[in-house]
């Protein structure tokens, strides 16, 4: 007959619960979708176009480029005019 040995947990070595930040939210609760509707993009573009900001045309073009070509922000950020100098 084989007897089982029961090991007790070490004193003071309890597993602490994972601490969450006060701003913790599940991703699904914060964002219900991963994309913008066409109407939302058009609203952003129209406000950018109407804006009297110094770089309004640049901002409009950049947002349009991001939307039409599906660029990530990091990809759009790394664009340099020399990349397209051959096309001009």
PDB file of N, CA and C in Angstrom:
ATOM      1  N   UNK A   1       0.827  -1.159   0.000  1.00  0.00           N
ATOM      2  CA  UNK A   1       0.000   0.000   0.000  1.00  0.00           C
ATOM      3  C   UNK A   1       0.889   1.246   0.000  1.00  0.00           C
ATOM      4  N   UNK A   2       0.610   2.148  -0.927  1.00  0.00           N
ATOM      5  CA  UNK A   2       1.431   3.331  -1.092  1.00  0.00           C
ATOM      6  C   UNK A   2       0.746   4.508  -0.391  1.00  0.00           C
ATOM      7  N   UNK A   3       1.506   5.237   0.400  1.00  0.00           N
ATOM      8  CA  UNK A   3       0.929   6.389   1.097  1.00  0.00           C
ATOM      9  C   UNK A   3       1.380   7.673   0.412  1.00  0.00           C
ATOM     10  N   UNK A   4       0.491   8.632   0.339  1.00  0.00           N
ATOM     11  CA  UNK A   4       0.815   9.912  -0.282  1.00  0.00           C
ATOM     12  C   UNK A   4       1.301  10.886   0.779  1.00  0.00           C
ATOM     13  N   UNK A   5       2.303  11.640   0.417  1.00  0.00           N
ATOM     14  CA  UNK A   5       2.845  12.631   1.326  1.00  0.00           C
ATOM     15  C   UNK A   5       2.271  13.986   0.923  1.00  0.00           C
ATOM     16  N   UNK A   6       1.657  14.658   1.842  1.00  0.00           N
ATOM     17  CA  UNK A   6       1.052  15.952   1.588  1.00  0.00           C
ATOM     18  C   UNK A   6       2.029  17.036   2.007  1.00  0.00           C
ATOM     19  N   UNK A   7       2.396  17.911   1.062  1.00  0.00           N
ATOM     20  CA  UNK A   7       3.314  18.996   1.393  1.00  0.00           C
ATOM     21  C   UNK A   7       2.513  20.260   1.628  1.00  0.00           C
ATOM     22  N   UNK A   8       2.775  20.862   2.744  1.00  0.00           N
ATOM     23  CA  UNK A   8       2.107  22.111   3.067  1.00  0.00           C
ATOM     24  C   UNK A   8       2.871  23.269   2.437  1.00  0.00           C
ATOM     25  N   UNK A   9       2.144  24.335   2.124  1.00  0.00           N
ATOM     26  CA  UNK A   9       2.808  25.498   1.543  1.00  0.00           C
ATOM     27  C   UNK A   9       3.698  26.153   2.590  1.00  0.00           C
ATOM     28  N   UNK A  10       4.727  26.802   2.120  1.00  0.00           N
ATOM     29  CA  UNK A  10       5.671  27.428   3.040  1.00  0.00           C
ATOM     30  C   UNK A  10       5.008  28.625   3.707  1.00  0.00           C
ATOM     31  N   UNK A  11       5.336  28.851   4.916  1.00  0.00           N
ATOM     32  CA  UNK A  11       4.748  29.944   5.682  1.00  0.00           C
ATOM     33  C   UNK A  11       5.219  31.274   5.112  1.00  0.00           C
ATOM     34  N   UNK A  12       4.285  32.183   4.895  1.00  0.00           N
ATOM     35  CA  UNK A  12       4.620  33.508   4.397  1.00  0.00           C
ATOM     36  C   UNK A  12       4.829  33.575   2.903  1.00  0.00           C
ATOM     37  N   UNK A  13       4.775  32.463   2.202  1.00  0.00           N
ATOM     38  CA  UNK A  13       4.981  32.439   0.762  1.00  0.00           C
ATOM     39  C   UNK A  13       3.640  32.293   0.052  1.00  0.00           C
ATOM     40  N   UNK A  14       2.767  33.247   0.223  1.00  0.00           N
ATOM     41  CA  UNK A  14       1.477  33.181  -0.448  1.00  0.00           C
ATOM     42  C   UNK A  14       1.576  33.909  -1.781  1.00  0.00           C
ATOM     43  N   UNK A  15       0.797  33.491  -2.705  1.00  0.00           N
ATOM     44  CA  UNK A  15       0.800  34.109  -4.030  1.00  0.00           C
ATOM     45  C   UNK A  15      -0.051  35.369  -3.982  1.00  0.00           C
ATOM     46  N   UNK A  16       0.562  36.478  -4.337  1.00  0.00           N
ATOM     47  CA  UNK A  16      -0.146  37.744  -4.311  1.00  0.00           C
ATOM     48  C   UNK A  16      -0.948  37.922  -5.596  1.00  0.00           C
ATOM     49  N   UNK A  17      -2.132  38.508  -5.504  1.00  0.00           N
ATOM     50  CA  UNK A  17      -2.906  38.742  -6.730  1.00  0.00           C
ATOM     51  C   UNK A  17      -2.221  39.799  -7.594  1.00  0.00           C
ATOM     52  N   UNK A  18      -2.409  39.695  -8.890  1.00  0.00           N
ATOM     53  CA  UNK A  18      -1.809  40.639  -9.823  1.00  0.00           C
ATOM     54  C   UNK A  18      -2.421  42.015  -9.607  1.00  0.00           C
ATOM     55  N   UNK A  19      -1.577  43.011  -9.479  1.00  0.00           N
ATOM     56  CA  UNK A  19      -2.064  44.370  -9.256  1.00  0.00           C
ATOM     57  C   UNK A  19      -2.388  45.014 -10.593  1.00  0.00           C
ATOM     58  N   UNK A  20      -3.519  45.659 -10.661  1.00  0.00           N
ATOM     59  CA  UNK A  20      -3.946  46.342 -11.872  1.00  0.00           C
ATOM     60  C   UNK A  20      -3.889  47.840 -11.639  1.00  0.00           C
ATOM     61  N   UNK A  21      -3.577  48.562 -12.691  1.00  0.00           N
ATOM     62  CA  UNK A  21      -3.544  50.017 -12.563  1.00  0.00           C
ATOM     63  C   UNK A  21      -4.966  50.535 -12.431  1.00  0.00           C
ATOM     64  N   UNK A  22      -5.138  51.726 -11.872  1.00  0.00           N
ATOM     65  CA  UNK A  22      -6.488  52.264 -11.731  1.00  0.00           C
ATOM     66  C   UNK A  22      -7.158  52.556 -13.071  1.00  0.00           C
ATOM     67  N   UNK A  23      -6.372  52.689 -14.144  1.00  0.00           N
ATOM     68  CA  UNK A  23      -6.932  52.960 -15.462  1.00  0.00           C
ATOM     69  C   UNK A  23      -7.120  51.696 -16.287  1.00  0.00           C
ATOM     70  N   UNK A  24      -7.016  50.547 -15.651  1.00  0.00           N
ATOM     71  CA  UNK A  24      -7.118  49.280 -16.364  1.00  0.00           C
ATOM     72  C   UNK A  24      -8.544  49.064 -16.857  1.00  0.00           C
ATOM     73  N   UNK A  25      -8.662  48.780 -18.129  1.00  0.00           N
ATOM     74  CA  UNK A  25      -9.937  48.398 -18.738  1.00  0.00           C
ATOM     75  C   UNK A  25      -9.638  47.329 -19.771  1.00  0.00           C
ATOM     76  N   UNK A  26     -10.563  46.448 -19.951  1.00  0.00           N
ATOM     77  CA  UNK A  26     -10.395  45.477 -21.013  1.00  0.00           C
ATOM     78  C   UNK A  26     -10.513  46.208 -22.340  1.00  0.00           C
ATOM     79  N   UNK A  27      -9.737  45.763 -23.320  1.00  0.00           N
ATOM     80  CA  UNK A  27      -9.690  46.431 -24.616  1.00  0.00           C
ATOM     81  C   UNK A  27     -11.067  46.472 -25.277  1.00  0.00           C
ATOM     82  N   UNK A  28     -11.834  45.400 -25.122  1.00  0.00           N
ATOM     83  CA  UNK A  28     -13.152  45.341 -25.740  1.00  0.00           C
ATOM     84  C   UNK A  28     -14.117  46.354 -25.128  1.00  0.00           C
ATOM     85  N   UNK A  29     -13.895  46.694 -23.851  1.00  0.00           N
ATOM     86  CA  UNK A  29     -14.775  47.664 -23.198  1.00  0.00           C
ATOM     87  C   UNK A  29     -14.498  49.082 -23.692  1.00  0.00           C
ATOM     88  N   UNK A  30     -13.257  49.353 -24.042  1.00  0.00           N
ATOM     89  CA  UNK A  30     -12.875  50.695 -24.447  1.00  0.00           C
ATOM     90  C   UNK A  30     -13.181  50.926 -25.918  1.00  0.00           C
ATOM     91  N   UNK A  31     -12.800  49.983 -26.761  1.00  0.00           N
ATOM     92  CA  UNK A  31     -13.013  50.115 -28.201  1.00  0.00           C
ATOM     93  C   UNK A  31     -13.906  49.001 -28.686  1.00  0.00           C
ATOM     94  N   UNK A  32     -14.949  49.394 -29.369  1.00  0.00           N
ATOM     95  CA  UNK A  32     -15.856  48.385 -29.890  1.00  0.00           C
ATOM     96  C   UNK A  32     -15.470  47.964 -31.302  1.00  0.00           C
ATOM     97  N   UNK A  33     -14.636  48.778 -31.977  1.00  0.00           N
ATOM     98  CA  UNK A  33     -14.193  48.421 -33.330  1.00  0.00           C
ATOM     99  C   UNK A  33     -12.800  48.965 -33.571  1.00  0.00           C
ATOM    100  N   UNK A  34     -12.174  48.456 -34.607  1.00  0.00           N
ATOM    101  CA  UNK A  34     -10.775  48.783 -34.901  1.00  0.00           C
ATOM    102  C   UNK A  34     -10.620  49.754 -36.073  1.00  0.00           C
ATOM    103  N   UNK A  35     -11.684  50.275 -36.597  1.00  0.00           N
ATOM    104  CA  UNK A  35     -11.606  51.077 -37.809  1.00  0.00           C
ATOM    105  C   UNK A  35     -12.601  52.234 -37.743  1.00  0.00           C
ATOM    106  N   UNK A  36     -12.441  53.176 -38.647  1.00  0.00           N
ATOM    107  CA  UNK A  36     -13.372  54.297 -38.766  1.00  0.00           C
ATOM    108  C   UNK A  36     -14.287  54.047 -39.948  1.00  0.00           C
ATOM    109  N   UNK A  37     -15.525  54.502 -39.838  1.00  0.00           N
ATOM    110  CA  UNK A  37     -16.427  54.444 -40.972  1.00  0.00           C
ATOM    111  C   UNK A  37     -16.060  55.542 -41.957  1.00  0.00           C
ATOM    112  N   UNK A  38     -16.495  55.390 -43.198  1.00  0.00           N
ATOM    113  CA  UNK A  38     -16.158  56.356 -44.234  1.00  0.00           C
ATOM    114  C   UNK A  38     -16.692  57.742 -43.888  1.00  0.00           C
ATOM    115  N   UNK A  39     -17.866  57.814 -43.278  1.00  0.00           N
ATOM    116  CA  UNK A  39     -18.443  59.104 -42.890  1.00  0.00           C
ATOM    117  C   UNK A  39     -17.568  59.800 -41.841  1.00  0.00           C
ATOM    118  N   UNK A  40     -17.004  59.017 -40.930  1.00  0.00           N
ATOM    119  CA  UNK A  40     -16.137  59.596 -39.906  1.00  0.00           C
ATOM    120  C   UNK A  40     -14.846  60.144 -40.512  1.00  0.00           C
ATOM    121  N   UNK A  41     -14.291  59.415 -41.457  1.00  0.00           N
ATOM    122  CA  UNK A  41     -13.076  59.885 -42.126  1.00  0.00           C
ATOM    123  C   UNK A  41     -13.372  61.145 -42.926  1.00  0.00           C
ATOM    124  N   UNK A  42     -14.509  61.171 -43.614  1.00  0.00           N
ATOM    125  CA  UNK A  42     -14.891  62.359 -44.381  1.00  0.00           C
ATOM    126  C   UNK A  42     -15.100  63.558 -43.468  1.00  0.00           C
ATOM    127  N   UNK A  43     -15.642  63.335 -42.281  1.00  0.00           N
ATOM    128  CA  UNK A  43     -15.827  64.436 -41.330  1.00  0.00           C
ATOM    129  C   UNK A  43     -14.475  64.968 -40.862  1.00  0.00           C
ATOM    130  N   UNK A  44     -13.534  64.075 -40.609  1.00  0.00           N
ATOM    131  CA  UNK A  44     -12.187  64.497 -40.204  1.00  0.00           C
ATOM    132  C   UNK A  44     -11.527  65.284 -41.324  1.00  0.00           C
ATOM    133  N   UNK A  45     -11.657  64.781 -42.561  1.00  0.00           N
ATOM    134  CA  UNK A  45     -11.041  65.459 -43.698  1.00  0.00           C
ATOM    135  C   UNK A  45     -11.673  66.825 -43.948  1.00  0.00           C
ATOM    136  N   UNK A  46     -12.987  66.921 -43.799  1.00  0.00           N
ATOM    137  CA  UNK A  46     -13.635  68.214 -44.047  1.00  0.00           C
ATOM    138  C   UNK A  46     -13.246  69.248 -42.994  1.00  0.00           C
ATOM    139  N   UNK A  47     -13.114  68.841 -41.756  1.00  0.00           N
ATOM    140  CA  UNK A  47     -12.694  69.802 -40.737  1.00  0.00           C
ATOM    141  C   UNK A  47     -11.235  70.205 -40.933  1.00  0.00           C
ATOM    142  N   UNK A  48     -10.421  69.270 -41.404  1.00  0.00           N
ATOM    143  CA  UNK A  48      -9.023  69.593 -41.668  1.00  0.00           C
ATOM    144  C   UNK A  48      -8.917  70.553 -42.842  1.00  0.00           C
ATOM    145  N   UNK A  49      -9.757  70.327 -43.849  1.00  0.00           N
ATOM    146  CA  UNK A  49      -9.731  71.185 -45.040  1.00  0.00           C
ATOM    147  C   UNK A  49     -10.209  72.595 -44.715  1.00  0.00           C
ATOM    148  N   UNK A  50     -11.214  72.707 -43.854  1.00  0.00           N
ATOM    149  CA  UNK A  50     -11.778  74.008 -43.490  1.00  0.00           C
ATOM    150  C   UNK A  50     -10.905  74.751 -42.486  1.00  0.00           C
ATOM    151  N   UNK A  51     -10.010  74.039 -41.861  1.00  0.00           N
ATOM    152  CA  UNK A  51      -9.202  74.634 -40.803  1.00  0.00           C
ATOM    153  C   UNK A  51      -8.299  75.726 -41.370  1.00  0.00           C
ATOM    154  N   UNK A  52      -8.099  76.755 -40.579  1.00  0.00           N
ATOM    155  CA  UNK A  52      -7.227  77.849 -41.007  1.00  0.00           C
ATOM    156  C   UNK A  52      -5.827  77.667 -40.440  1.00  0.00           C
ATOM    157  N   UNK A  53      -5.522  76.466 -40.044  1.00  0.00           N
ATOM    158  CA  UNK A  53      -4.207  76.181 -39.481  1.00  0.00           C
ATOM    159  C   UNK A  53      -3.133  76.359 -40.551  1.00  0.00           C
ATOM    160  N   UNK A  54      -1.940  76.596 -40.095  1.00  0.00           N
ATOM    161  CA  UNK A  54      -0.823  76.857 -41.006  1.00  0.00           C
ATOM    162  C   UNK A  54      -0.535  75.660 -41.911  1.00  0.00           C
ATOM    163  N   UNK A  55      -0.707  74.450 -41.391  1.00  0.00           N
ATOM    164  CA  UNK A  55      -0.392  73.238 -42.151  1.00  0.00           C
ATOM    165  C   UNK A  55      -1.645  72.434 -42.468  1.00  0.00           C
ATOM    166  N   UNK A  56      -2.738  73.104 -42.776  1.00  0.00           N
ATOM    167  CA  UNK A  56      -3.998  72.412 -43.032  1.00  0.00           C
ATOM    168  C   UNK A  56      -3.926  71.484 -44.226  1.00  0.00           C
ATOM    169  N   UNK A  57      -3.306  71.949 -45.326  1.00  0.00           N
ATOM    170  CA  UNK A  57      -3.208  71.120 -46.535  1.00  0.00           C
ATOM    171  C   UNK A  57      -2.346  69.892 -46.275  1.00  0.00           C
ATOM    172  N   UNK A  58      -1.248  70.066 -45.525  1.00  0.00           N
ATOM    173  CA  UNK A  58      -0.374  68.945 -45.187  1.00  0.00           C
ATOM    174  C   UNK A  58      -1.124  67.906 -44.361  1.00  0.00           C
ATOM    175  N   UNK A  59      -1.869  68.366 -43.351  1.00  0.00           N
ATOM    176  CA  UNK A  59      -2.623  67.458 -42.493  1.00  0.00           C
ATOM    177  C   UNK A  59      -3.690  66.713 -43.281  1.00  0.00           C
ATOM    178  N   UNK A  60      -4.380  67.428 -44.164  1.00  0.00           N
ATOM    179  CA  UNK A  60      -5.412  66.810 -45.008  1.00  0.00           C
ATOM    180  C   UNK A  60      -4.794  65.703 -45.856  1.00  0.00           C
ATOM    181  N   UNK A  61      -3.669  66.007 -46.489  1.00  0.00           N
ATOM    182  CA  UNK A  61      -3.000  65.038 -47.360  1.00  0.00           C
ATOM    183  C   UNK A  61      -2.510  63.830 -46.579  1.00  0.00           C
ATOM    184  N   UNK A  62      -1.972  64.059 -45.402  1.00  0.00           N
ATOM    185  CA  UNK A  62      -1.460  62.959 -44.583  1.00  0.00           C
ATOM    186  C   UNK A  62      -2.584  62.049 -44.105  1.00  0.00           C
ATOM    187  N   UNK A  63      -3.693  62.615 -43.665  1.00  0.00           N
ATOM    188  CA  UNK A  63      -4.833  61.803 -43.217  1.00  0.00           C
ATOM    189  C   UNK A  63      -5.406  61.015 -44.384  1.00  0.00           C
ATOM    190  N   UNK A  64      -5.505  61.648 -45.549  1.00  0.00           N
ATOM    191  CA  UNK A  64      -6.011  60.964 -46.735  1.00  0.00           C
ATOM    192  C   UNK A  64      -5.088  59.817 -47.145  1.00  0.00           C
ATOM    193  N   UNK A  65      -3.793  60.039 -47.072  1.00  0.00           N
ATOM    194  CA  UNK A  65      -2.811  59.009 -47.403  1.00  0.00           C
ATOM    195  C   UNK A  65      -2.908  57.827 -46.444  1.00  0.00           C
ATOM    196  N   UNK A  66      -3.026  58.120 -45.161  1.00  0.00           N
ATOM    197  CA  UNK A  66      -3.152  57.060 -44.152  1.00  0.00           C
ATOM    198  C   UNK A  66      -4.413  56.241 -44.394  1.00  0.00           C
ATOM    199  N   UNK A  67      -5.518  56.925 -44.680  1.00  0.00           N
ATOM    200  CA  UNK A  67      -6.790  56.238 -44.860  1.00  0.00           C
ATOM    201  C   UNK A  67      -6.808  55.403 -46.134  1.00  0.00           C
ATOM    202  N   UNK A  68      -6.405  55.993 -47.241  1.00  0.00           N
ATOM    203  CA  UNK A  68      -6.500  55.295 -48.531  1.00  0.00           C
ATOM    204  C   UNK A  68      -5.542  54.118 -48.645  1.00  0.00           C
ATOM    205  N   UNK A  69      -4.379  54.237 -48.043  1.00  0.00           N
ATOM    206  CA  UNK A  69      -3.385  53.178 -48.197  1.00  0.00           C
ATOM    207  C   UNK A  69      -3.254  52.290 -46.973  1.00  0.00           C
ATOM    208  N   UNK A  70      -4.038  52.553 -45.943  1.00  0.00           N
ATOM    209  CA  UNK A  70      -4.045  51.700 -44.757  1.00  0.00           C
ATOM    210  C   UNK A  70      -2.731  51.713 -44.004  1.00  0.00           C
ATOM    211  N   UNK A  71      -2.109  52.881 -43.925  1.00  0.00           N
ATOM    212  CA  UNK A  71      -0.824  52.971 -43.242  1.00  0.00           C
ATOM    213  C   UNK A  71      -1.004  52.971 -41.735  1.00  0.00           C
ATOM    214  N   UNK A  72      -0.039  52.412 -41.053  1.00  0.00           N
ATOM    215  CA  UNK A  72       0.026  52.563 -39.598  1.00  0.00           C
ATOM    216  C   UNK A  72       0.628  53.926 -39.319  1.00  0.00           C
ATOM    217  N   UNK A  73       0.418  54.422 -38.109  1.00  0.00           N
ATOM    218  CA  UNK A  73       0.973  55.730 -37.779  1.00  0.00           C
ATOM    219  C   UNK A  73       2.495  55.725 -37.841  1.00  0.00           C
ATOM    220  N   UNK A  74       3.106  54.634 -37.425  1.00  0.00           N
ATOM    221  CA  UNK A  74       4.571  54.564 -37.474  1.00  0.00           C
ATOM    222  C   UNK A  74       5.062  54.604 -38.920  1.00  0.00           C
ATOM    223  N   UNK A  75       4.317  53.999 -39.837  1.00  0.00           N
ATOM    224  CA  UNK A  75       4.698  54.033 -41.246  1.00  0.00           C
ATOM    225  C   UNK A  75       4.542  55.437 -41.821  1.00  0.00           C
ATOM    226  N   UNK A  76       3.461  56.105 -41.455  1.00  0.00           N
ATOM    227  CA  UNK A  76       3.249  57.469 -41.939  1.00  0.00           C
ATOM    228  C   UNK A  76       4.285  58.415 -41.346  1.00  0.00           C
ATOM    229  N   UNK A  77       4.658  58.182 -40.112  1.00  0.00           N
ATOM    230  CA  UNK A  77       5.645  59.032 -39.440  1.00  0.00           C
ATOM    231  C   UNK A  77       7.022  58.913 -40.089  1.00  0.00           C
ATOM    232  N   UNK A  78       7.335  57.737 -40.612  1.00  0.00           N
ATOM    233  CA  UNK A  78       8.658  57.523 -41.183  1.00  0.00           C
ATOM    234  C   UNK A  78       8.765  57.942 -42.643  1.00  0.00           C
ATOM    235  N   UNK A  79       7.680  58.473 -43.226  1.00  0.00           N
ATOM    236  CA  UNK A  79       7.740  58.917 -44.619  1.00  0.00           C
ATOM    237  C   UNK A  79       8.652  60.131 -44.753  1.00  0.00           C
ATOM    238  N   UNK A  80       9.431  60.139 -45.820  1.00  0.00           N
ATOM    239  CA  UNK A  80      10.347  61.238 -46.101  1.00  0.00           C
ATOM    240  C   UNK A  80      10.137  61.636 -47.554  1.00  0.00           C
ATOM    241  N   UNK A  81      10.225  62.912 -47.864  1.00  0.00           N
ATOM    242  CA  UNK A  81       9.988  63.379 -49.232  1.00  0.00           C
ATOM    243  C   UNK A  81      10.962  62.750 -50.213  1.00  0.00           C
ATOM    244  N   UNK A  82      12.164  62.410 -49.764  1.00  0.00           N
ATOM    245  CA  UNK A  82      13.147  61.781 -50.649  1.00  0.00           C
ATOM    246  C   UNK A  82      12.697  60.399 -51.117  1.00  0.00           C
ATOM    247  N   UNK A  83      11.788  59.779 -50.386  1.00  0.00           N
ATOM    248  CA  UNK A  83      11.260  58.485 -50.795  1.00  0.00           C
ATOM    249  C   UNK A  83      10.470  58.600 -52.101  1.00  0.00           C
ATOM    250  N   UNK A  84       9.910  59.788 -52.355  1.00  0.00           N
ATOM    251  CA  UNK A  84       9.037  59.993 -53.509  1.00  0.00           C
ATOM    252  C   UNK A  84       9.619  60.996 -54.490  1.00  0.00           C
ATOM    253  N   UNK A  85      10.867  61.358 -54.356  1.00  0.00           N
ATOM    254  CA  UNK A  85      11.488  62.341 -55.240  1.00  0.00           C
ATOM    255  C   UNK A  85      11.515  61.852 -56.682  1.00  0.00           C
ATOM    256  N   UNK A  86      11.614  60.554 -56.903  1.00  0.00           N
ATOM    257  CA  UNK A  86      11.652  60.011 -58.269  1.00  0.00           C
ATOM    258  C   UNK A  86      10.314  60.174 -58.976  1.00  0.00           C
ATOM    259  N   UNK A  87       9.232  60.193 -58.228  1.00  0.00           N
ATOM    260  CA  UNK A  87       7.893  60.269 -58.828  1.00  0.00           C
ATOM    261  C   UNK A  87       7.509  61.678 -59.231  1.00  0.00           C
ATOM    262  N   UNK A  88       8.142  62.661 -58.649  1.00  0.00           N
ATOM    263  CA  UNK A  88       7.748  64.056 -58.901  1.00  0.00           C
ATOM    264  C   UNK A  88       8.273  64.527 -60.221  1.00  0.00           C
TER     265      UNK A  88
END
